[in-house]
Amino acid sequence: MSAVLADFAVLTPVTDEDLVLAARAVRVHVPESWPHGLLCRSERVPYPCRLARWSRATLAAAGLTEEEMA
């Protein structure tokens, strides 16, 4: 079960395809405020979801800063 909940691996070097997917995931998997806390807008699970974590880690591995990701 722990393998199911583990984060996705960030492969290096980061390919152009990874960058495209990560950039899209950053835009889609954003926090949304609910009465019981922040949830991922796409998956309705506690934010940050696995894909949000993977996308930010992938963009960081490619050299982007937090300001550039925003």
Protein backbone atom coordinates (compact mmCIF):
# COMPACT_ATOMS: atom_id res chain seq x y z
CA MET A 1 0.00 0.00 0.00
CA SER A 2 2.85 2.40 0.72
CA ALA A 3 3.99 2.12 -2.91
CA VAL A 4 0.58 3.39 -4.00
CA LEU A 5 0.89 6.47 -1.79
CA ALA A 6 4.55 7.21 -2.56
CA ASP A 7 5.47 10.21 -4.67
CA PHE A 8 6.10 9.81 -8.38
CA ALA A 9 9.77 9.67 -9.30
CA VAL A 10 11.37 12.72 -10.87
CA LEU A 11 13.50 11.50 -13.73
CA THR A 12 16.62 13.45 -14.64
CA PRO A 13 17.52 14.85 -16.99
CA VAL A 14 14.09 16.39 -17.41
CA THR A 15 12.81 15.99 -20.96
CA ASP A 16 10.75 18.49 -22.93
CA GLU A 17 7.76 16.14 -22.63
CA ASP A 18 8.14 16.08 -18.83
CA LEU A 19 8.23 19.88 -18.78
CA VAL A 20 5.02 20.13 -20.82
CA LEU A 21 3.21 17.65 -18.55
CA ALA A 22 4.52 19.26 -15.37
CA ALA A 23 3.54 22.76 -16.52
CA ARG A 24 0.01 21.57 -17.25
CA ALA A 25 -0.23 19.75 -13.91
CA VAL A 26 0.85 22.90 -12.04
CA ARG A 27 -2.05 24.78 -13.65
CA VAL A 28 -4.65 22.02 -13.11
CA HIS A 29 -3.73 20.67 -9.67
CA VAL A 30 -4.10 23.84 -7.61
CA PRO A 31 -5.41 24.31 -4.07
CA GLU A 32 -9.05 25.12 -3.53
CA SER A 33 -10.43 26.23 -0.18
CA TRP A 34 -13.10 24.02 1.39
CA PRO A 35 -14.60 24.23 4.88
CA HIS A 36 -12.38 21.35 6.04
CA GLY A 37 -9.15 22.64 4.44
CA LEU A 38 -7.33 22.94 1.14
CA LEU A 39 -8.13 20.31 -1.48
CA CYS A 40 -6.71 19.73 -4.95
CA ARG A 41 -9.15 21.30 -7.40
CA SER A 42 -8.76 18.37 -9.79
CA GLU A 43 -8.70 15.36 -7.47
CA ARG A 44 -10.52 16.59 -4.33
CA VAL A 45 -7.81 15.15 -2.06
CA PRO A 46 -5.75 17.11 0.47
CA TYR A 47 -3.46 19.57 -1.31
CA PRO A 48 -0.77 19.07 -2.48
CA CYS A 49 -1.77 15.87 -4.27
CA ARG A 50 0.82 13.48 -5.72
CA LEU A 51 0.69 15.06 -9.17
CA ALA A 52 1.07 18.57 -7.76
CA ARG A 53 4.15 17.44 -5.81
CA TRP A 54 5.60 15.67 -8.87
CA SER A 55 5.03 18.62 -11.18
CA ARG A 56 6.68 21.12 -8.84
CA ALA A 57 9.61 18.77 -8.20
CA THR A 58 10.04 18.19 -11.94
CA LEU A 59 10.02 21.91 -12.72
CA ALA A 60 12.48 22.52 -9.86
CA ALA A 61 14.75 19.77 -11.25
CA ALA A 62 14.67 21.61 -14.58
CA GLY A 63 15.91 24.75 -12.83
CA LEU A 64 12.72 26.78 -12.45
CA THR A 65 12.20 28.82 -9.29
CA GLU A 66 8.97 29.05 -7.28
CA GLU A 67 8.32 32.50 -8.78
CA GLU A 68 8.66 31.12 -12.31
CA MET A 69 6.27 28.26 -11.48
CA ALA A 70 3.65 30.71 -10.27
